Amino acid sequence: MELSRRIEKMEKEIAEIKGDLVEIKESLSRVEESIEWIKTIVKVTFSLFGVIIGVMVAVM
């Protein structure tokens, strides 16, 4: 009986850990998506600065 209770306890703990891992995976995917947005914003910003500087040099 002791062995079966220990096995049941381990199964419950494993199920909890799996649930935690799913939550961590979802959080990481949201973080990854946010990082991609930031990278896109930085690229667009530098592109705009490049165009503005290019126009300023061309006008001078």
N, C-alpha and C. Protein backbone atom coordinates (compact mmCIF):
# COMPACT_ATOMS: atom_id res chain seq x y z
N MET A 1 0.82 -1.20 0.00
CA MET A 1 0.00 0.00 0.00
C MET A 1 0.86 1.26 0.00
N GLU A 2 1.92 1.21 0.77
CA GLU A 2 2.80 2.37 0.84
C GLU A 2 3.37 2.70 -0.54
N LEU A 3 3.75 1.67 -1.25
CA LEU A 3 4.33 1.87 -2.58
C LEU A 3 3.31 2.49 -3.54
N SER A 4 2.08 2.03 -3.50
CA SER A 4 1.06 2.58 -4.40
C SER A 4 0.76 4.04 -4.06
N ARG A 5 0.77 4.39 -2.77
CA ARG A 5 0.55 5.80 -2.39
C ARG A 5 1.69 6.68 -2.88
N ARG A 6 2.90 6.16 -2.76
CA ARG A 6 4.06 6.93 -3.21
C ARG A 6 4.00 7.13 -4.73
N ILE A 7 3.58 6.09 -5.44
CA ILE A 7 3.46 6.20 -6.89
C ILE A 7 2.38 7.22 -7.25
N GLU A 8 1.25 7.18 -6.57
CA GLU A 8 0.17 8.15 -6.83
C GLU A 8 0.65 9.57 -6.55
N LYS A 9 1.40 9.74 -5.45
CA LYS A 9 1.93 11.05 -5.10
C LYS A 9 2.88 11.55 -6.19
N MET A 10 3.74 10.66 -6.68
CA MET A 10 4.67 11.03 -7.75
C MET A 10 3.92 11.39 -9.02
N GLU A 11 2.86 10.65 -9.34
CA GLU A 11 2.07 10.95 -10.53
C GLU A 11 1.42 12.32 -10.42
N LYS A 12 0.92 12.67 -9.23
CA LYS A 12 0.33 14.00 -9.03
C LYS A 12 1.39 15.09 -9.21
N GLU A 13 2.57 14.85 -8.63
CA GLU A 13 3.65 15.84 -8.76
C GLU A 13 4.07 16.01 -10.21
N ILE A 14 4.14 14.91 -10.94
CA ILE A 14 4.50 14.97 -12.36
C ILE A 14 3.44 15.76 -13.13
N ALA A 15 2.18 15.54 -12.81
CA ALA A 15 1.10 16.28 -13.49
C ALA A 15 1.21 17.78 -13.19
N GLU A 16 1.55 18.14 -11.95
CA GLU A 16 1.72 19.55 -11.60
C GLU A 16 2.90 20.15 -12.36
N ILE A 17 3.98 19.40 -12.44
CA ILE A 17 5.16 19.89 -13.15
C ILE A 17 4.84 20.09 -14.63
N LYS A 18 4.10 19.17 -15.22
CA LYS A 18 3.70 19.32 -16.62
C LYS A 18 2.86 20.58 -16.82
N GLY A 19 1.95 20.84 -15.88
CA GLY A 19 1.14 22.05 -15.96
C GLY A 19 2.00 23.30 -15.88
N ASP A 20 2.98 23.28 -14.97
CA ASP A 20 3.89 24.41 -14.84
C ASP A 20 4.70 24.61 -16.12
N LEU A 21 5.13 23.51 -16.72
CA LEU A 21 5.90 23.61 -17.95
C LEU A 21 5.07 24.20 -19.09
N VAL A 22 3.80 23.87 -19.14
CA VAL A 22 2.92 24.44 -20.17
C VAL A 22 2.81 25.95 -19.97
N GLU A 23 2.65 26.38 -18.72
CA GLU A 23 2.56 27.81 -18.43
C GLU A 23 3.86 28.53 -18.82
N ILE A 24 5.00 27.91 -18.49
CA ILE A 24 6.29 28.51 -18.83
C ILE A 24 6.44 28.61 -20.34
N LYS A 25 6.02 27.57 -21.05
CA LYS A 25 6.12 27.58 -22.52
C LYS A 25 5.28 28.70 -23.10
N GLU A 26 4.07 28.90 -22.59
CA GLU A 26 3.20 29.97 -23.08
C GLU A 26 3.82 31.34 -22.80
N SER A 27 4.38 31.50 -21.60
CA SER A 27 5.02 32.77 -21.25
C SER A 27 6.20 33.05 -22.17
N LEU A 28 7.01 32.03 -22.43
CA LEU A 28 8.16 32.21 -23.30
C LEU A 28 7.74 32.56 -24.72
N SER A 29 6.65 31.99 -25.19
CA SER A 29 6.20 32.33 -26.54
C SER A 29 5.72 33.78 -26.61
N ARG A 30 5.09 34.26 -25.53
CA ARG A 30 4.68 35.67 -25.50
C ARG A 30 5.90 36.59 -25.47
N VAL A 31 6.92 36.20 -24.69
CA VAL A 31 8.15 36.99 -24.62
C VAL A 31 8.83 37.02 -25.99
N GLU A 32 8.87 35.86 -26.65
CA GLU A 32 9.48 35.79 -27.97
C GLU A 32 8.74 36.69 -28.96
N GLU A 33 7.43 36.70 -28.88
CA GLU A 33 6.63 37.56 -29.77
C GLU A 33 6.92 39.03 -29.49
N SER A 34 7.04 39.39 -28.22
CA SER A 34 7.35 40.77 -27.85
C SER A 34 8.73 41.17 -28.37
N ILE A 35 9.69 40.27 -28.27
CA ILE A 35 11.04 40.55 -28.75
C ILE A 35 11.03 40.77 -30.26
N GLU A 36 10.25 39.97 -30.97
CA GLU A 36 10.16 40.14 -32.42
C GLU A 36 9.58 41.51 -32.77
N TRP A 37 8.56 41.96 -32.01
CA TRP A 37 7.99 43.28 -32.25
C TRP A 37 9.03 44.37 -32.01
N ILE A 38 9.79 44.23 -30.93
CA ILE A 38 10.82 45.23 -30.61
C ILE A 38 11.87 45.26 -31.71
N LYS A 39 12.28 44.09 -32.19
CA LYS A 39 13.26 44.05 -33.28
C LYS A 39 12.73 44.75 -34.52
N THR A 40 11.46 44.53 -34.83
CA THR A 40 10.85 45.17 -36.00
C THR A 40 10.82 46.68 -35.82
N ILE A 41 10.43 47.13 -34.64
CA ILE A 41 10.37 48.58 -34.37
C ILE A 41 11.75 49.20 -34.50
N VAL A 42 12.77 48.54 -33.96
CA VAL A 42 14.14 49.07 -34.05
C VAL A 42 14.59 49.14 -35.51
N LYS A 43 14.30 48.11 -36.29
CA LYS A 43 14.69 48.11 -37.70
C LYS A 43 14.02 49.26 -38.45
N VAL A 44 12.72 49.45 -38.22
CA VAL A 44 11.99 50.53 -38.90
C VAL A 44 12.54 51.88 -38.47
N THR A 45 12.83 52.04 -37.19
CA THR A 45 13.36 53.31 -36.69
C THR A 45 14.70 53.64 -37.34
N PHE A 46 15.60 52.66 -37.38
CA PHE A 46 16.90 52.92 -38.01
C PHE A 46 16.75 53.18 -39.51
N SER A 47 15.81 52.51 -40.14
CA SER A 47 15.57 52.76 -41.56
C SER A 47 15.10 54.20 -41.78
N LEU A 48 14.17 54.65 -40.94
CA LEU A 48 13.68 56.02 -41.06
C LEU A 48 14.80 57.03 -40.83
N PHE A 49 15.63 56.79 -39.81
CA PHE A 49 16.75 57.70 -39.56
C PHE A 49 17.70 57.71 -40.75
N GLY A 50 17.92 56.55 -41.35
CA GLY A 50 18.78 56.47 -42.54
C GLY A 50 18.22 57.28 -43.69
N VAL A 51 16.92 57.18 -43.91
CA VAL A 51 16.28 57.94 -44.98
C VAL A 51 16.36 59.43 -44.69
N ILE A 52 16.08 59.82 -43.46
CA ILE A 52 16.13 61.25 -43.10
C ILE A 52 17.53 61.80 -43.28
N ILE A 53 18.54 61.07 -42.81
CA ILE A 53 19.92 61.53 -42.96
C ILE A 53 20.30 61.57 -44.45
N GLY A 54 19.85 60.58 -45.21
CA GLY A 54 20.13 60.58 -46.65
C GLY A 54 19.52 61.78 -47.35
N VAL A 55 18.31 62.12 -47.00
CA VAL A 55 17.64 63.29 -47.59
C VAL A 55 18.36 64.57 -47.19
N MET A 56 18.77 64.66 -45.93
CA MET A 56 19.49 65.86 -45.47
C MET A 56 20.81 66.02 -46.22
N VAL A 57 21.52 64.92 -46.43
CA VAL A 57 22.79 64.99 -47.15
C VAL A 57 22.54 65.36 -48.61
N ALA A 58 21.49 64.82 -49.20
CA ALA A 58 21.18 65.12 -50.60
C ALA A 58 20.78 66.58 -50.78
N VAL A 59 20.10 67.15 -49.80
CA VAL A 59 19.65 68.54 -49.90
C VAL A 59 20.82 69.50 -49.75
N MET A 60 21.79 69.14 -48.93
CA MET A 60 22.93 70.03 -48.71
C MET A 60 23.72 70.07 -49.94
